[in-house]
Amino acid sequence: MEIDLQTILSAFIESLGVFLLGIKFMGNSLQQIASNRLKDIVNRFTSPPFLDVLAGIIYVDMLSNLEHIRGHAVNITEKVLNRPNYM
């Protein structure tokens, strides 16, 4: 069975089309389901201007802490995997 360039390109284009269509449907569904609730949450946390800044600081701090935790977890895992076997 021989596969030519036209078959490969058409399969790629068809797959890309189905993928993009699925992304569009998923995005539309998420907007319909979560739009009102997300808008309420965003409005509640950002109604006064100083809360915008405070929410941004908290978000950046949380991301920074998560990166530090991930880094420590990787270091501990590397140390455990690379330790010599004393038994």
N, C-alpha and C. Protein backbone atom coordinates (compact mmCIF):
# COMPACT_ATOMS: atom_id res chain seq x y z
N MET A 1 0.84 -1.17 0.00
CA MET A 1 0.00 0.00 0.00
C MET A 1 0.89 1.24 0.00
N GLU A 2 0.68 2.05 -0.98
CA GLU A 2 1.52 3.24 -1.14
C GLU A 2 0.71 4.49 -0.78
N ILE A 3 1.31 5.33 0.05
CA ILE A 3 0.66 6.57 0.46
C ILE A 3 1.37 7.72 -0.24
N ASP A 4 0.59 8.51 -0.97
CA ASP A 4 1.21 9.62 -1.68
C ASP A 4 1.01 10.93 -0.93
N LEU A 5 1.61 11.98 -1.43
CA LEU A 5 1.59 13.29 -0.78
C LEU A 5 0.18 13.85 -0.71
N GLN A 6 -0.63 13.63 -1.75
CA GLN A 6 -1.99 14.15 -1.77
C GLN A 6 -2.83 13.54 -0.64
N THR A 7 -2.67 12.24 -0.39
CA THR A 7 -3.40 11.57 0.67
C THR A 7 -2.99 12.12 2.03
N ILE A 8 -1.70 12.33 2.22
CA ILE A 8 -1.21 12.85 3.49
C ILE A 8 -1.73 14.27 3.73
N LEU A 9 -1.65 15.12 2.72
CA LEU A 9 -2.11 16.50 2.86
C LEU A 9 -3.61 16.58 3.10
N SER A 10 -4.38 15.77 2.38
CA SER A 10 -5.82 15.82 2.58
C SER A 10 -6.21 15.31 3.97
N ALA A 11 -5.54 14.27 4.47
CA ALA A 11 -5.81 13.77 5.80
C ALA A 11 -5.44 14.82 6.85
N PHE A 12 -4.32 15.51 6.63
CA PHE A 12 -3.89 16.55 7.57
C PHE A 12 -4.89 17.70 7.60
N ILE A 13 -5.33 18.16 6.44
CA ILE A 13 -6.27 19.27 6.36
C ILE A 13 -7.62 18.88 6.97
N GLU A 14 -8.08 17.67 6.70
CA GLU A 14 -9.34 17.21 7.28
C GLU A 14 -9.25 17.12 8.80
N SER A 15 -8.15 16.58 9.30
CA SER A 15 -7.97 16.46 10.74
C SER A 15 -7.89 17.84 11.39
N LEU A 16 -7.19 18.77 10.77
CA LEU A 16 -7.10 20.12 11.30
C LEU A 16 -8.47 20.79 11.32
N GLY A 17 -9.26 20.57 10.28
CA GLY A 17 -10.61 21.14 10.24
C GLY A 17 -11.50 20.60 11.34
N VAL A 18 -11.45 19.30 11.58
CA VAL A 18 -12.25 18.70 12.65
C VAL A 18 -11.79 19.22 14.01
N PHE A 19 -10.47 19.35 14.19
CA PHE A 19 -9.93 19.87 15.44
C PHE A 19 -10.41 21.30 15.68
N LEU A 20 -10.30 22.17 14.68
CA LEU A 20 -10.71 23.56 14.83
C LEU A 20 -12.22 23.68 15.07
N LEU A 21 -13.00 22.84 14.42
CA LEU A 21 -14.44 22.83 14.64
C LEU A 21 -14.77 22.43 16.08
N GLY A 22 -14.06 21.42 16.60
CA GLY A 22 -14.26 21.01 17.99
C GLY A 22 -13.88 22.12 18.96
N ILE A 23 -12.78 22.82 18.68
CA ILE A 23 -12.37 23.94 19.53
C ILE A 23 -13.43 25.03 19.52
N LYS A 24 -14.00 25.30 18.34
CA LYS A 24 -15.03 26.34 18.25
C LYS A 24 -16.27 25.96 19.05
N PHE A 25 -16.73 24.71 18.91
CA PHE A 25 -17.90 24.25 19.67
C PHE A 25 -17.63 24.29 21.17
N MET A 26 -16.45 23.87 21.57
CA MET A 26 -16.11 23.87 22.99
C MET A 26 -16.06 25.30 23.53
N GLY A 27 -15.48 26.23 22.79
CA GLY A 27 -15.43 27.62 23.22
C GLY A 27 -16.80 28.23 23.34
N ASN A 28 -17.66 27.97 22.36
CA ASN A 28 -19.03 28.50 22.43
C ASN A 28 -19.80 27.93 23.62
N SER A 29 -19.63 26.64 23.87
CA SER A 29 -20.32 26.01 24.99
C SER A 29 -19.83 26.57 26.32
N LEU A 30 -18.53 26.76 26.45
CA LEU A 30 -17.98 27.31 27.68
C LEU A 30 -18.47 28.74 27.90
N GLN A 31 -18.57 29.52 26.84
CA GLN A 31 -19.08 30.88 26.98
C GLN A 31 -20.53 30.88 27.44
N GLN A 32 -21.33 29.98 26.91
CA GLN A 32 -22.73 29.92 27.30
C GLN A 32 -22.91 29.44 28.74
N ILE A 33 -22.11 28.47 29.14
CA ILE A 33 -22.27 27.89 30.47
C ILE A 33 -21.73 28.81 31.55
N ALA A 34 -20.52 29.31 31.35
CA ALA A 34 -19.82 29.99 32.43
C ALA A 34 -19.83 31.50 32.33
N SER A 35 -20.47 32.07 31.33
CA SER A 35 -20.33 33.50 31.13
C SER A 35 -20.90 34.32 32.28
N ASN A 36 -22.11 34.04 32.71
CA ASN A 36 -22.72 34.84 33.78
C ASN A 36 -22.00 34.67 35.11
N ARG A 37 -21.66 33.45 35.44
CA ARG A 37 -20.99 33.19 36.71
C ARG A 37 -19.59 33.81 36.73
N LEU A 38 -18.85 33.66 35.63
CA LEU A 38 -17.51 34.25 35.57
C LEU A 38 -17.57 35.77 35.60
N LYS A 39 -18.54 36.34 34.91
CA LYS A 39 -18.68 37.79 34.94
C LYS A 39 -18.96 38.29 36.35
N ASP A 40 -19.81 37.57 37.08
CA ASP A 40 -20.11 37.96 38.46
C ASP A 40 -18.86 37.89 39.33
N ILE A 41 -18.08 36.82 39.18
CA ILE A 41 -16.86 36.68 39.98
C ILE A 41 -15.87 37.79 39.66
N VAL A 42 -15.66 38.05 38.38
CA VAL A 42 -14.70 39.09 37.98
C VAL A 42 -15.18 40.45 38.46
N ASN A 43 -16.47 40.74 38.33
CA ASN A 43 -16.99 42.03 38.79
C ASN A 43 -16.89 42.19 40.30
N ARG A 44 -17.09 41.11 41.04
CA ARG A 44 -17.02 41.19 42.49
C ARG A 44 -15.60 41.47 42.96
N PHE A 45 -14.60 40.85 42.31
CA PHE A 45 -13.23 41.03 42.74
C PHE A 45 -12.56 42.27 42.16
N THR A 46 -13.17 42.89 41.16
CA THR A 46 -12.52 44.03 40.51
C THR A 46 -13.38 45.28 40.48
N SER A 47 -14.42 45.33 41.31
CA SER A 47 -15.28 46.52 41.26
C SER A 47 -14.57 47.78 41.76
N PRO A 48 -13.96 47.82 42.95
CA PRO A 48 -13.14 48.99 43.28
C PRO A 48 -11.75 48.85 42.64
N PRO A 49 -11.16 49.96 42.20
CA PRO A 49 -9.87 49.86 41.50
C PRO A 49 -8.74 49.25 42.33
N PHE A 50 -8.73 49.50 43.64
CA PHE A 50 -7.63 48.95 44.43
C PHE A 50 -7.72 47.43 44.52
N LEU A 51 -8.93 46.87 44.37
CA LEU A 51 -9.05 45.41 44.38
C LEU A 51 -8.44 44.80 43.12
N ASP A 52 -8.43 45.55 42.01
CA ASP A 52 -7.75 45.06 40.80
C ASP A 52 -6.28 44.82 41.08
N VAL A 53 -5.66 45.81 41.69
CA VAL A 53 -4.23 45.71 42.00
C VAL A 53 -3.98 44.60 43.01
N LEU A 54 -4.82 44.53 44.04
CA LEU A 54 -4.66 43.50 45.07
C LEU A 54 -4.84 42.10 44.49
N ALA A 55 -5.83 41.93 43.63
CA ALA A 55 -6.05 40.62 43.00
C ALA A 55 -4.86 40.25 42.13
N GLY A 56 -4.29 41.20 41.40
CA GLY A 56 -3.11 40.93 40.58
C GLY A 56 -1.91 40.54 41.42
N ILE A 57 -1.70 41.23 42.54
CA ILE A 57 -0.57 40.91 43.43
C ILE A 57 -0.73 39.51 44.01
N ILE A 58 -1.94 39.19 44.45
CA ILE A 58 -2.19 37.86 45.02
C ILE A 58 -1.99 36.77 43.97
N TYR A 59 -2.48 37.02 42.76
CA TYR A 59 -2.35 36.03 41.69
C TYR A 59 -0.88 35.78 41.36
N VAL A 60 -0.10 36.84 41.22
CA VAL A 60 1.32 36.69 40.89
C VAL A 60 2.05 36.00 42.04
N ASP A 61 1.71 36.33 43.28
CA ASP A 61 2.34 35.70 44.43
C ASP A 61 2.03 34.20 44.47
N MET A 62 0.78 33.84 44.18
CA MET A 62 0.41 32.43 44.15
C MET A 62 1.17 31.67 43.07
N LEU A 63 1.28 32.26 41.89
CA LEU A 63 2.03 31.61 40.82
C LEU A 63 3.49 31.45 41.19
N SER A 64 4.06 32.47 41.81
CA SER A 64 5.45 32.40 42.23
C SER A 64 5.66 31.28 43.25
N ASN A 65 4.75 31.20 44.22
CA ASN A 65 4.86 30.14 45.23
C ASN A 65 4.72 28.76 44.62
N LEU A 66 3.83 28.61 43.64
CA LEU A 66 3.67 27.31 42.99
C LEU A 66 4.93 26.92 42.24
N GLU A 67 5.60 27.88 41.62
CA GLU A 67 6.85 27.59 40.91
C GLU A 67 7.93 27.16 41.89
N HIS A 68 8.00 27.79 43.06
CA HIS A 68 8.99 27.40 44.06
C HIS A 68 8.71 25.99 44.58
N ILE A 69 7.45 25.69 44.82
CA ILE A 69 7.08 24.36 45.30
C ILE A 69 7.43 23.31 44.26
N ARG A 70 7.14 23.61 42.99
CA ARG A 70 7.47 22.65 41.93
C ARG A 70 8.97 22.45 41.85
N GLY A 71 9.73 23.52 41.99
CA GLY A 71 11.18 23.40 41.95
C GLY A 71 11.72 22.55 43.07
N HIS A 72 11.19 22.73 44.28
CA HIS A 72 11.62 21.92 45.41
C HIS A 72 11.24 20.46 45.20
N ALA A 73 10.06 20.20 44.67
CA ALA A 73 9.62 18.83 44.43
C ALA A 73 10.54 18.14 43.42
N VAL A 74 10.94 18.86 42.38
CA VAL A 74 11.85 18.29 41.38
C VAL A 74 13.20 18.00 42.01
N ASN A 75 13.72 18.92 42.83
CA ASN A 75 15.01 18.70 43.48
C ASN A 75 14.98 17.51 44.42
N ILE A 76 13.91 17.39 45.20
CA ILE A 76 13.80 16.27 46.13
C ILE A 76 13.72 14.96 45.36
N THR A 77 12.95 14.94 44.29
CA THR A 77 12.82 13.73 43.48
C THR A 77 14.16 13.34 42.87
N GLU A 78 14.90 14.31 42.36
CA GLU A 78 16.22 14.01 41.79
C GLU A 78 17.16 13.46 42.84
N LYS A 79 17.13 14.01 44.05
CA LYS A 79 18.00 13.52 45.11
C LYS A 79 17.64 12.10 45.51
N VAL A 80 16.34 11.81 45.58
CA VAL A 80 15.90 10.46 45.96
C VAL A 80 16.28 9.45 44.88
N LEU A 81 16.11 9.81 43.63
CA LEU A 81 16.41 8.88 42.54
C LEU A 81 17.90 8.69 42.34
N ASN A 82 18.70 9.68 42.68
CA ASN A 82 20.14 9.60 42.43
C ASN A 82 20.95 9.19 43.66
N ARG A 83 20.30 8.89 44.78
CA ARG A 83 21.06 8.53 45.98
C ARG A 83 21.62 7.12 45.84
N PRO A 84 22.76 6.88 46.43
CA PRO A 84 23.32 5.54 46.36
C PRO A 84 22.55 4.58 47.27
N ASN A 85 22.55 3.34 46.89
CA ASN A 85 21.85 2.32 47.65
C ASN A 85 22.81 1.80 48.73
N TYR A 86 22.49 2.02 50.00
CA TYR A 86 23.38 1.64 51.09
C TYR A 86 23.12 0.24 51.62
N MET A 87 22.21 -0.49 51.04
CA MET A 87 21.91 -1.82 51.55
C MET A 87 22.76 -2.86 50.90
